[in-house]
C-alpha cells in the first residue's frame, strides 16, 4: 500500500506563533499513522500572504488528502485550500470529528 500524503490546513493568521504548535502536533500524529504530512507552518516568516498561498496550494496539489485543524472554517486561506481539495477529489479529514469519534481531545 502506498503511503498517503496529507496536507495540514487550519487557522494561522492572528494566532500565537501562527498556530505552529497545532500544526506540528498534527504532523507528528499523521506521521505516527504512517502518512507523510505536508506542514505549511514550517515555512519561514516574512513572505507576503499571496506568496504563502501560492506555496501552500502547490503543496496541496501534491497531497492525497487534507487534514483540517479545528477552526479551519474561520480561515480564509484554509477555506480556499478546502475548495481546491474538493475540486481535486482529495480525502478530507477533520481534527474535531476524529477526536469526537475516539473520545479524546485530538486525533
N, C-alpha and C. Protein backbone atom coordinates (compact mmCIF):
# COMPACT_ATOMS: atom_id res chain seq x y z
N UNK A 1 0.84 -1.19 0.00
CA UNK A 1 0.00 0.00 0.00
C UNK A 1 0.88 1.25 0.00
N UNK A 2 0.52 2.22 -0.80
CA UNK A 2 1.28 3.46 -0.90
C UNK A 2 0.98 4.38 0.29
N UNK A 3 2.01 5.02 0.79
CA UNK A 3 1.85 5.96 1.88
C UNK A 3 1.06 7.17 1.41
N UNK A 4 0.13 7.61 2.23
CA UNK A 4 -0.69 8.77 1.90
C UNK A 4 0.03 10.06 2.27
N UNK A 5 -0.04 11.01 1.38
CA UNK A 5 0.50 12.35 1.62
C UNK A 5 -0.68 13.21 2.06
N UNK A 6 -0.56 13.81 3.24
CA UNK A 6 -1.66 14.58 3.83
C UNK A 6 -1.20 16.01 4.08
N UNK A 7 -1.91 16.96 3.50
CA UNK A 7 -1.65 18.39 3.71
C UNK A 7 -2.42 18.84 4.95
N UNK A 8 -1.79 19.60 5.81
CA UNK A 8 -2.42 20.10 7.02
C UNK A 8 -2.89 21.54 6.78
N UNK A 9 -4.15 21.81 7.07
CA UNK A 9 -4.72 23.15 6.89
C UNK A 9 -5.39 23.58 8.18
N UNK A 10 -5.35 24.87 8.41
CA UNK A 10 -6.01 25.41 9.60
C UNK A 10 -5.71 26.87 9.76
N UNK A 11 -6.24 27.46 10.82
CA UNK A 11 -6.02 28.89 11.04
C UNK A 11 -4.59 29.18 11.45
N UNK A 12 -4.02 30.23 10.91
CA UNK A 12 -2.68 30.67 11.25
C UNK A 12 -2.65 32.16 11.58
N UNK A 13 -3.19 32.97 10.69
CA UNK A 13 -3.17 34.42 10.86
C UNK A 13 -3.90 34.81 12.14
N UNK A 14 -3.24 35.63 12.95
CA UNK A 14 -3.84 36.10 14.19
C UNK A 14 -3.69 35.16 15.36
N UNK A 15 -3.11 34.00 15.14
CA UNK A 15 -2.90 33.03 16.22
C UNK A 15 -1.48 33.20 16.79
N UNK A 16 -1.32 32.92 18.09
CA UNK A 16 0.04 32.99 18.65
C UNK A 16 0.99 32.07 17.88
N UNK A 17 2.14 32.61 17.51
CA UNK A 17 3.15 31.88 16.73
C UNK A 17 2.54 31.19 15.51
N UNK A 18 1.52 31.84 14.95
CA UNK A 18 0.87 31.34 13.73
C UNK A 18 0.33 29.92 13.88
N UNK A 19 0.00 29.52 15.12
CA UNK A 19 -0.60 28.21 15.39
C UNK A 19 0.35 27.05 15.06
N UNK A 20 1.63 27.34 15.06
CA UNK A 20 2.62 26.32 14.68
C UNK A 20 2.56 25.07 15.57
N UNK A 21 2.26 25.25 16.85
CA UNK A 21 2.21 24.09 17.75
C UNK A 21 1.14 23.09 17.30
N UNK A 22 -0.04 23.59 16.93
CA UNK A 22 -1.12 22.70 16.48
C UNK A 22 -0.74 22.00 15.18
N UNK A 23 -0.11 22.73 14.27
CA UNK A 23 0.32 22.13 13.00
C UNK A 23 1.39 21.07 13.24
N UNK A 24 2.34 21.38 14.11
CA UNK A 24 3.42 20.42 14.39
C UNK A 24 2.89 19.16 15.06
N UNK A 25 1.97 19.32 16.00
CA UNK A 25 1.38 18.16 16.66
C UNK A 25 0.62 17.30 15.66
N UNK A 26 -0.12 17.93 14.77
CA UNK A 26 -0.84 17.18 13.73
C UNK A 26 0.14 16.43 12.83
N UNK A 27 1.26 17.07 12.48
CA UNK A 27 2.26 16.42 11.63
C UNK A 27 2.84 15.19 12.32
N UNK A 28 3.13 15.30 13.60
CA UNK A 28 3.66 14.16 14.35
C UNK A 28 2.65 13.02 14.38
N UNK A 29 1.41 13.35 14.64
CA UNK A 29 0.37 12.31 14.72
C UNK A 29 0.11 11.67 13.37
N UNK A 30 0.11 12.46 12.32
CA UNK A 30 -0.08 11.88 10.98
C UNK A 30 1.09 10.98 10.62
N UNK A 31 2.30 11.38 10.96
CA UNK A 31 3.48 10.54 10.72
C UNK A 31 3.37 9.23 11.47
N UNK A 32 2.90 9.29 12.71
CA UNK A 32 2.75 8.08 13.52
C UNK A 32 1.73 7.12 12.91
N UNK A 33 0.81 7.65 12.13
CA UNK A 33 -0.19 6.83 11.45
C UNK A 33 0.31 6.33 10.09
N UNK A 34 1.55 6.67 9.75
CA UNK A 34 2.13 6.19 8.51
C UNK A 34 1.98 7.14 7.33
N UNK A 35 1.45 8.33 7.57
CA UNK A 35 1.27 9.30 6.49
C UNK A 35 2.51 10.17 6.35
N UNK A 36 2.59 10.85 5.23
CA UNK A 36 3.62 11.87 5.00
C UNK A 36 2.91 13.21 5.12
N UNK A 37 3.16 13.93 6.21
CA UNK A 37 2.47 15.22 6.38
C UNK A 37 3.16 16.35 5.62
N UNK A 38 2.37 17.20 5.00
CA UNK A 38 2.86 18.43 4.40
C UNK A 38 2.40 19.55 5.32
N UNK A 39 3.35 20.16 6.01
CA UNK A 39 3.07 21.12 7.06
C UNK A 39 3.44 22.54 6.62
N UNK A 40 2.45 23.38 6.28
CA UNK A 40 2.77 24.74 5.84
C UNK A 40 3.31 25.62 6.97
N UNK A 41 3.16 25.21 8.21
CA UNK A 41 3.64 26.02 9.33
C UNK A 41 5.16 26.02 9.45
N UNK A 42 5.83 25.21 8.65
CA UNK A 42 7.30 25.22 8.68
C UNK A 42 7.88 26.27 7.73
N UNK A 43 7.04 26.93 6.97
CA UNK A 43 7.52 27.97 6.06
C UNK A 43 8.08 29.14 6.87
N UNK A 44 9.07 29.83 6.34
CA UNK A 44 9.70 30.92 7.09
C UNK A 44 8.79 32.14 7.21
N UNK A 45 9.00 32.92 8.24
CA UNK A 45 8.30 34.20 8.40
C UNK A 45 8.81 35.19 7.35
N UNK A 46 7.98 36.18 7.03
CA UNK A 46 8.44 37.29 6.22
C UNK A 46 7.96 37.34 4.79
N UNK A 47 7.27 36.31 4.33
CA UNK A 47 6.74 36.33 2.96
C UNK A 47 5.42 37.08 2.93
N UNK A 48 5.00 37.47 1.76
CA UNK A 48 3.68 38.06 1.60
C UNK A 48 2.62 36.96 1.67
N UNK A 49 1.43 37.34 2.11
CA UNK A 49 0.32 36.38 2.22
C UNK A 49 0.08 35.66 0.89
N UNK A 50 0.13 36.39 -0.20
CA UNK A 50 -0.09 35.78 -1.52
C UNK A 50 0.98 34.74 -1.84
N UNK A 51 2.21 34.98 -1.40
CA UNK A 51 3.28 34.00 -1.62
C UNK A 51 3.03 32.73 -0.82
N UNK A 52 2.60 32.90 0.44
CA UNK A 52 2.27 31.72 1.24
C UNK A 52 1.18 30.89 0.56
N UNK A 53 0.17 31.56 0.04
CA UNK A 53 -0.92 30.82 -0.61
C UNK A 53 -0.43 30.10 -1.86
N UNK A 54 0.43 30.74 -2.64
CA UNK A 54 0.96 30.07 -3.84
C UNK A 54 1.72 28.80 -3.45
N UNK A 55 2.55 28.90 -2.43
CA UNK A 55 3.32 27.75 -1.97
C UNK A 55 2.40 26.67 -1.42
N UNK A 56 1.45 27.08 -0.60
CA UNK A 56 0.56 26.11 0.04
C UNK A 56 -0.34 25.41 -0.97
N UNK A 57 -0.83 26.13 -1.95
CA UNK A 57 -1.67 25.48 -2.96
C UNK A 57 -0.86 24.49 -3.80
N UNK A 58 0.41 24.79 -4.03
CA UNK A 58 1.28 23.83 -4.72
C UNK A 58 1.50 22.59 -3.86
N UNK A 59 1.71 22.79 -2.56
CA UNK A 59 1.86 21.66 -1.65
C UNK A 59 0.59 20.80 -1.66
N UNK A 60 -0.55 21.46 -1.60
CA UNK A 60 -1.83 20.75 -1.57
C UNK A 60 -2.01 19.89 -2.82
N UNK A 61 -1.55 20.39 -3.96
CA UNK A 61 -1.70 19.64 -5.20
C UNK A 61 -0.85 18.37 -5.23
N UNK A 62 0.08 18.24 -4.29
CA UNK A 62 0.92 17.04 -4.18
C UNK A 62 0.34 16.03 -3.19
N UNK A 63 -0.79 16.36 -2.57
CA UNK A 63 -1.34 15.54 -1.49
C UNK A 63 -2.45 14.61 -1.98
N UNK A 64 -2.67 13.58 -1.16
CA UNK A 64 -3.79 12.65 -1.37
C UNK A 64 -5.00 13.06 -0.55
N UNK A 65 -4.74 13.87 0.49
CA UNK A 65 -5.81 14.27 1.38
C UNK A 65 -5.43 15.54 2.12
N UNK A 66 -6.40 16.07 2.85
CA UNK A 66 -6.20 17.28 3.63
C UNK A 66 -6.72 17.03 5.04
N UNK A 67 -5.93 17.43 6.03
CA UNK A 67 -6.30 17.29 7.44
C UNK A 67 -6.61 18.69 7.95
N UNK A 68 -7.83 18.88 8.43
CA UNK A 68 -8.30 20.20 8.82
C UNK A 68 -8.29 20.37 10.33
N UNK A 69 -7.47 21.29 10.78
CA UNK A 69 -7.39 21.60 12.19
C UNK A 69 -8.65 22.35 12.63
N UNK A 70 -8.97 22.24 13.91
CA UNK A 70 -10.11 22.97 14.46
C UNK A 70 -10.00 24.45 14.12
N UNK A 71 -11.10 25.06 13.76
CA UNK A 71 -11.14 26.46 13.41
C UNK A 71 -10.83 26.76 11.96
N UNK A 72 -10.63 25.72 11.15
CA UNK A 72 -10.26 25.93 9.75
C UNK A 72 -11.28 26.79 9.02
N UNK A 73 -12.55 26.63 9.38
CA UNK A 73 -13.61 27.34 8.66
C UNK A 73 -13.57 28.86 8.90
N UNK A 74 -12.82 29.31 9.89
CA UNK A 74 -12.67 30.74 10.16
C UNK A 74 -11.45 31.33 9.46
N UNK A 75 -10.75 30.53 8.69
CA UNK A 75 -9.55 30.96 7.99
C UNK A 75 -9.83 31.07 6.49
N UNK A 76 -9.63 32.26 5.94
CA UNK A 76 -9.85 32.46 4.51
C UNK A 76 -8.93 31.54 3.70
N UNK A 77 -7.67 31.43 4.12
CA UNK A 77 -6.72 30.58 3.40
C UNK A 77 -7.12 29.12 3.46
N UNK A 78 -7.49 28.63 4.64
CA UNK A 78 -7.89 27.22 4.77
C UNK A 78 -9.15 26.94 3.97
N UNK A 79 -10.08 27.88 3.93
CA UNK A 79 -11.29 27.68 3.12
C UNK A 79 -10.95 27.57 1.64
N UNK A 80 -9.99 28.37 1.18
CA UNK A 80 -9.54 28.26 -0.21
C UNK A 80 -8.89 26.90 -0.45
N UNK A 81 -8.11 26.44 0.52
CA UNK A 81 -7.45 25.14 0.38
C UNK A 81 -8.48 24.01 0.34
N UNK A 82 -9.53 24.12 1.14
CA UNK A 82 -10.59 23.10 1.14
C UNK A 82 -11.31 23.10 -0.21
N UNK A 83 -11.57 24.28 -0.75
CA UNK A 83 -12.24 24.35 -2.05
C UNK A 83 -11.40 23.65 -3.12
N UNK A 84 -10.09 23.89 -3.12
CA UNK A 84 -9.23 23.23 -4.10
C UNK A 84 -9.17 21.72 -3.83
N UNK A 85 -9.07 21.34 -2.57
CA UNK A 85 -9.03 19.92 -2.23
C UNK A 85 -10.27 19.19 -2.74
N UNK A 86 -11.41 19.82 -2.59
CA UNK A 86 -12.66 19.21 -3.09
C UNK A 86 -12.62 19.09 -4.61
N UNK A 87 -12.15 20.13 -5.29
CA UNK A 87 -12.05 20.08 -6.75
C UNK A 87 -11.11 18.98 -7.22
N UNK A 88 -10.05 18.75 -6.44
CA UNK A 88 -9.06 17.72 -6.78
C UNK A 88 -9.50 16.32 -6.35
N UNK A 89 -10.59 16.23 -5.62
CA UNK A 89 -11.09 14.93 -5.17
C UNK A 89 -10.29 14.35 -4.01
N UNK A 90 -9.66 15.21 -3.23
CA UNK A 90 -8.86 14.73 -2.10
C UNK A 90 -9.75 14.30 -0.94
N UNK A 91 -9.24 13.42 -0.12
CA UNK A 91 -9.92 12.99 1.09
C UNK A 91 -9.81 14.10 2.13
N UNK A 92 -10.93 14.41 2.78
CA UNK A 92 -10.94 15.41 3.84
C UNK A 92 -11.02 14.70 5.19
N UNK A 93 -10.14 15.10 6.10
CA UNK A 93 -10.16 14.58 7.47
C UNK A 93 -10.25 15.77 8.41
N UNK A 94 -11.02 15.61 9.47
CA UNK A 94 -11.28 16.70 10.39
C UNK A 94 -10.78 16.37 11.79
N UNK A 95 -10.01 17.27 12.37
CA UNK A 95 -9.48 17.07 13.71
C UNK A 95 -10.60 16.86 14.72
N UNK A 96 -11.60 17.72 14.75
CA UNK A 96 -12.66 17.65 15.75
C UNK A 96 -13.49 16.39 15.59
N UNK A 97 -13.81 16.00 14.37
CA UNK A 97 -14.62 14.82 14.12
C UNK A 97 -13.90 13.57 14.59
N UNK A 98 -12.63 13.46 14.27
CA UNK A 98 -11.86 12.29 14.68
C UNK A 98 -11.73 12.23 16.19
N UNK A 99 -11.52 13.37 16.82
CA UNK A 99 -11.39 13.40 18.27
C UNK A 99 -12.70 12.98 18.93
N UNK A 100 -13.81 13.45 18.40
CA UNK A 100 -15.11 13.10 18.97
C UNK A 100 -15.39 11.61 18.81
N UNK A 101 -14.99 11.05 17.66
CA UNK A 101 -15.22 9.63 17.43
C UNK A 101 -14.42 8.76 18.38
N UNK A 102 -13.24 9.25 18.78
CA UNK A 102 -12.38 8.47 19.66
C UNK A 102 -12.54 8.84 21.12
N UNK A 103 -13.29 9.92 21.39
CA UNK A 103 -13.48 10.34 22.77
C UNK A 103 -12.24 10.96 23.38
N UNK A 104 -11.36 11.51 22.54
CA UNK A 104 -10.13 12.14 23.01
C UNK A 104 -10.11 13.60 22.57
N UNK A 105 -9.26 14.40 23.19
CA UNK A 105 -9.21 15.80 22.80
C UNK A 105 -8.61 16.06 21.43
N UNK A 106 -7.96 15.09 20.82
CA UNK A 106 -7.38 15.27 19.50
C UNK A 106 -7.25 13.91 18.84
N UNK A 107 -7.15 13.93 17.51
CA UNK A 107 -6.99 12.68 16.76
C UNK A 107 -5.55 12.47 16.39
